[in-house]
């Protein structure tokens, strides 16, 4: 793990994916950017490892404004 600016630990990778930065975190988990996918307004699951020590899904990252909470 490498230290983030706010002092939290950032994993170097999840599965075969390199973690570059954290997009956000909350009650559902932590979000990191994944590879880009063509298409309009969709964020499909591009990979997952439900049998990992810490199960994880990777979904497509779609840039856009934050949703209201």
C-alpha atoms as a PDB file:
ATOM      1  CA  UNK A   1       0.000   0.000   0.000  1.00  0.00           C
ATOM      2  CA  UNK A   2       1.076   3.572  -0.571  1.00  0.00           C
ATOM      3  CA  UNK A   3       0.040   6.547   1.513  1.00  0.00           C
ATOM      4  CA  UNK A   4      -2.529   8.975   0.114  1.00  0.00           C
ATOM      5  CA  UNK A   5      -2.341  12.715   0.774  1.00  0.00           C
ATOM      6  CA  UNK A   6      -5.050  12.471   3.436  1.00  0.00           C
ATOM      7  CA  UNK A   7      -3.126   9.750   5.279  1.00  0.00           C
ATOM      8  CA  UNK A   8      -5.310   6.818   4.192  1.00  0.00           C
ATOM      9  CA  UNK A   9      -3.729   3.804   2.509  1.00  0.00           C
ATOM     10  CA  UNK A  10      -4.181   3.352  -1.228  1.00  0.00           C
ATOM     11  CA  UNK A  11      -3.731  -0.167  -2.646  1.00  0.00           C
ATOM     12  CA  UNK A  12      -1.227  -0.445  -5.508  1.00  0.00           C
ATOM     13  CA  UNK A  13      -3.655  -2.650  -7.374  1.00  0.00           C
ATOM     14  CA  UNK A  14      -6.864  -4.667  -7.235  1.00  0.00           C
ATOM     15  CA  UNK A  15      -6.757  -7.849  -9.285  1.00  0.00           C
ATOM     16  CA  UNK A  16      -4.914  -7.011 -12.518  1.00  0.00           C
ATOM     17  CA  UNK A  17      -5.835  -3.293 -12.257  1.00  0.00           C
ATOM     18  CA  UNK A  18      -3.423  -0.596 -11.085  1.00  0.00           C
ATOM     19  CA  UNK A  19      -4.954   1.839  -8.604  1.00  0.00           C
ATOM     20  CA  UNK A  20      -3.985   5.392  -9.529  1.00  0.00           C
ATOM     21  CA  UNK A  21      -6.147   7.399  -7.153  1.00  0.00           C
ATOM     22  CA  UNK A  22      -9.337   7.334  -5.113  1.00  0.00           C
ATOM     23  CA  UNK A  23     -12.452   8.950  -6.600  1.00  0.00           C
ATOM     24  CA  UNK A  24     -14.508   8.738  -3.428  1.00  0.00           C
ATOM     25  CA  UNK A  25     -15.647   6.545  -0.562  1.00  0.00           C
ATOM     26  CA  UNK A  26     -18.798   5.942   1.425  1.00  0.00           C
ATOM     27  CA  UNK A  27     -21.039   3.326   2.933  1.00  0.00           C
ATOM     28  CA  UNK A  28     -20.918   1.137  -0.187  1.00  0.00           C
ATOM     29  CA  UNK A  29     -17.110   1.107  -0.394  1.00  0.00           C
ATOM     30  CA  UNK A  30     -14.281   2.962  -2.113  1.00  0.00           C
ATOM     31  CA  UNK A  31     -14.311   3.967  -5.784  1.00  0.00           C
ATOM     32  CA  UNK A  32     -11.187   4.005  -7.954  1.00  0.00           C
ATOM     33  CA  UNK A  33     -11.080   4.879 -11.696  1.00  0.00           C
ATOM     34  CA  UNK A  34     -11.248   1.846 -14.109  1.00  0.00           C
ATOM     35  CA  UNK A  35     -10.537   1.591 -17.820  1.00  0.00           C
ATOM     36  CA  UNK A  36     -12.809   3.594 -20.148  1.00  0.00           C
ATOM     37  CA  UNK A  37     -15.647   1.984 -22.109  1.00  0.00           C
ATOM     38  CA  UNK A  38     -17.382   3.323 -25.212  1.00  0.00           C
ATOM     39  CA  UNK A  39     -21.097   3.982 -24.974  1.00  0.00           C
ATOM     40  CA  UNK A  40     -23.514   6.569 -23.703  1.00  0.00           C
ATOM     41  CA  UNK A  41     -24.611   6.712 -20.056  1.00  0.00           C
ATOM     42  CA  UNK A  42     -23.628   3.210 -19.070  1.00  0.00           C
ATOM     43  CA  UNK A  43     -21.265   1.860 -16.510  1.00  0.00           C
ATOM     44  CA  UNK A  44     -21.030  -1.883 -17.071  1.00  0.00           C
ATOM     45  CA  UNK A  45     -19.058  -4.246 -14.870  1.00  0.00           C
ATOM     46  CA  UNK A  46     -15.832  -4.919 -16.780  1.00  0.00           C
ATOM     47  CA  UNK A  47     -14.316  -7.420 -14.328  1.00  0.00           C
ATOM     48  CA  UNK A  48     -14.769  -8.846 -10.839  1.00  0.00           C
ATOM     49  CA  UNK A  49     -13.316 -11.356  -8.395  1.00  0.00           C
ATOM     50  CA  UNK A  50     -16.038 -12.426  -5.968  1.00  0.00           C
ATOM     51  CA  UNK A  51     -13.735 -15.145  -4.555  1.00  0.00           C
ATOM     52  CA  UNK A  52     -10.862 -12.801  -3.601  1.00  0.00           C
ATOM     53  CA  UNK A  53      -9.943 -12.254   0.057  1.00  0.00           C
ATOM     54  CA  UNK A  54     -11.708  -8.888  -0.356  1.00  0.00           C
ATOM     55  CA  UNK A  55     -14.233  -9.395  -3.197  1.00  0.00           C
ATOM     56  CA  UNK A  56     -14.246  -6.592  -5.763  1.00  0.00           C
ATOM     57  CA  UNK A  57     -16.022  -5.468  -8.945  1.00  0.00           C
ATOM     58  CA  UNK A  58     -14.535  -3.112 -11.554  1.00  0.00           C
ATOM     59  CA  UNK A  59     -17.058  -0.972 -13.395  1.00  0.00           C
ATOM     60  CA  UNK A  60     -16.504   1.453 -16.232  1.00  0.00           C
ATOM     61  CA  UNK A  61     -15.731   5.035 -15.213  1.00  0.00           C
ATOM     62  CA  UNK A  62     -17.968   7.663 -16.769  1.00  0.00           C
ATOM     63  CA  UNK A  63     -16.870  11.242 -16.062  1.00  0.00           C
ATOM     64  CA  UNK A  64     -19.618  13.624 -15.082  1.00  0.00           C
ATOM     65  CA  UNK A  65     -20.929  15.839 -12.307  1.00  0.00           C
ATOM     66  CA  UNK A  66     -21.472  14.503  -8.804  1.00  0.00           C
ATOM     67  CA  UNK A  67     -25.019  13.432  -8.001  1.00  0.00           C
ATOM     68  CA  UNK A  68     -26.822  15.217  -5.167  1.00  0.00           C
ATOM     69  CA  UNK A  69     -26.864  13.323  -1.889  1.00  0.00           C
END
